Amino acid sequence: VKLEESGGGLVQPGDSLRLSCAASELSSTFMGWFRQAPGKEREFVAVISWSVRRTDYGDSVRGRFTVSRDDAKNTVYLQMDNLKPDDTAVYYCALGRSDFYFSIRKQDFTSWGQGTQVTVSS
């Protein structure tokens, strides 16, 4: 499975960005977004499961970020609003393991994209 993120960039605080993750195939029923800032561990951002119709978000982004999926395009999106400097990181999309329906743990995601940089700065 190949995952390719796009949509990152440099924005100012309060701006919005939409990240996209195109999958070559979907061998699972949930996908997630994680991010990693310099010197920090990779952290959970959002997950979407289309088998159990559920989404979840990390505490630091809940209410500002929205995850969604386009079935026809095998693409998952992360709409990021009211961006803050603390949101600066490399953002990765990941495909969940095929025998699970939902998870927010890094170890339950088996395929990862190469990442896209998001920088929020004035």
Protein backbone atom coordinates (compact mmCIF):
# COMPACT_ATOMS: atom_id res chain seq x y z
CA VAL A 1 0.00 0.00 0.00
CA LYS A 2 1.29 3.42 -0.94
CA LEU A 3 0.12 6.53 0.88
CA GLU A 4 0.92 10.00 -0.39
CA GLU A 5 0.26 13.16 1.62
CA SER A 6 -0.06 16.62 0.15
CA GLY A 7 -1.26 20.07 1.13
CA GLY A 8 1.30 21.15 3.67
CA GLY A 9 2.88 24.58 3.68
CA LEU A 10 3.71 27.75 5.56
CA VAL A 11 0.77 29.65 7.02
CA GLN A 12 0.12 32.29 9.64
CA PRO A 13 -1.59 31.71 12.99
CA GLY A 14 -5.35 31.55 12.53
CA ASP A 15 -5.12 30.32 8.94
CA SER A 16 -6.46 27.04 7.55
CA LEU A 17 -4.95 24.20 5.57
CA ARG A 18 -6.34 20.99 4.15
CA LEU A 19 -4.09 17.96 3.97
CA SER A 20 -4.84 15.08 1.63
CA CYS A 21 -3.76 11.46 1.81
CA ALA A 22 -4.23 9.39 -1.32
CA ALA A 23 -4.04 5.63 -0.88
CA SER A 24 -3.15 3.21 -3.67
CA GLU A 25 -5.57 0.75 -2.13
CA LEU A 26 -7.55 0.39 1.07
CA SER A 27 -6.86 -2.92 2.72
CA SER A 28 -8.23 -1.69 6.01
CA THR A 29 -11.23 0.24 7.28
CA PHE A 30 -9.61 3.05 9.21
CA MET A 31 -6.92 5.64 8.62
CA GLY A 32 -5.24 8.12 10.87
CA TRP A 33 -3.20 11.28 10.95
CA PHE A 34 -0.19 11.73 13.20
CA ARG A 35 2.36 14.50 13.52
CA GLN A 36 5.90 14.85 14.71
CA ALA A 37 7.60 18.07 15.73
CA PRO A 38 11.40 18.36 16.02
CA GLY A 39 12.64 16.65 19.14
CA LYS A 40 9.24 15.23 20.01
CA GLU A 41 7.57 11.88 19.65
CA ARG A 42 5.05 11.20 16.91
CA GLU A 43 1.61 12.01 18.30
CA PHE A 44 -1.92 11.08 17.36
CA VAL A 45 -3.94 13.77 15.60
CA ALA A 46 -7.08 12.19 14.13
CA VAL A 47 -8.59 8.92 12.98
CA ILE A 48 -11.52 7.98 10.79
CA SER A 49 -13.15 4.57 10.62
CA TRP A 50 -15.66 3.95 7.90
CA SER A 51 -16.62 0.50 9.17
CA VAL A 52 -17.83 1.74 12.54
CA ARG A 53 -18.48 5.32 11.31
CA ARG A 54 -16.40 6.92 13.97
CA THR A 55 -13.85 9.69 14.21
CA ASP A 56 -11.65 10.81 17.05
CA TYR A 57 -9.13 13.58 17.66
CA GLY A 58 -6.20 14.40 19.84
CA ASP A 59 -6.99 16.78 22.67
CA SER A 60 -4.84 19.56 21.25
CA VAL A 61 -6.70 19.65 17.92
CA ARG A 62 -10.25 18.71 18.86
CA GLY A 63 -12.66 21.39 17.70
CA ARG A 64 -10.19 22.82 15.18
CA PHE A 65 -9.37 19.85 12.92
CA THR A 66 -11.78 17.69 10.95
CA VAL A 67 -11.00 14.35 9.31
CA SER A 68 -13.04 13.09 6.36
CA ARG A 69 -12.89 10.61 3.52
CA ASP A 70 -13.77 10.50 -0.17
CA ASP A 71 -14.72 6.92 -0.95
CA ALA A 72 -14.44 7.29 -4.70
CA LYS A 73 -10.91 8.69 -4.55
CA ASN A 74 -9.46 6.48 -1.77
CA THR A 75 -8.47 9.75 -0.15
CA VAL A 76 -8.61 10.95 3.43
CA TYR A 77 -8.49 14.63 4.30
CA LEU A 78 -7.50 16.61 7.36
CA GLN A 79 -9.05 20.06 7.46
CA MET A 80 -7.08 22.21 9.88
CA ASP A 81 -8.61 25.49 11.02
CA ASN A 82 -7.40 28.17 13.41
CA LEU A 83 -3.86 26.90 13.15
CA LYS A 84 -1.43 27.68 15.94
CA PRO A 85 2.38 27.75 16.07
CA ASP A 86 2.25 24.57 18.19
CA ASP A 87 0.70 22.79 15.21
CA THR A 88 4.02 23.06 13.37
CA ALA A 89 5.16 19.54 12.55
CA VAL A 90 5.52 16.94 9.85
CA TYR A 91 2.10 15.36 9.34
CA TYR A 92 1.80 11.71 8.41
CA CYS A 93 -1.18 9.69 7.29
CA ALA A 94 -1.34 6.00 8.10
CA LEU A 95 -3.48 2.99 7.28
CA GLY A 96 -4.79 0.90 10.15
CA ARG A 97 -4.19 -2.80 10.50
CA SER A 98 -6.66 -4.93 8.59
CA ASP A 99 -7.86 -6.95 11.59
CA PHE A 100 -8.88 -3.87 13.58
CA TYR A 101 -11.79 -1.48 13.13
CA PHE A 102 -10.47 1.49 15.06
CA SER A 103 -7.45 2.63 17.03
CA ILE A 104 -5.49 5.72 17.99
CA ARG A 105 -2.26 3.89 18.83
CA LYS A 106 0.71 4.25 16.48
CA GLN A 107 1.45 0.54 16.68
CA ASP A 108 -1.94 -0.29 15.17
CA PHE A 109 -1.11 1.45 11.88
CA THR A 110 0.83 -0.58 9.37
CA SER A 111 1.47 1.67 6.36
CA TRP A 112 2.71 5.26 6.52
CA GLY A 113 3.10 8.10 4.09
CA GLN A 114 6.29 10.08 3.67
CA GLY A 115 4.92 13.09 5.54
CA THR A 116 4.15 16.69 4.67
CA GLN A 117 5.50 19.73 6.51
CA VAL A 118 3.12 22.19 8.13
CA THR A 119 4.65 25.37 9.50
CA VAL A 120 2.59 27.95 11.36
CA SER A 121 4.46 31.16 11.91
CA SER A 122 3.91 34.89 11.80
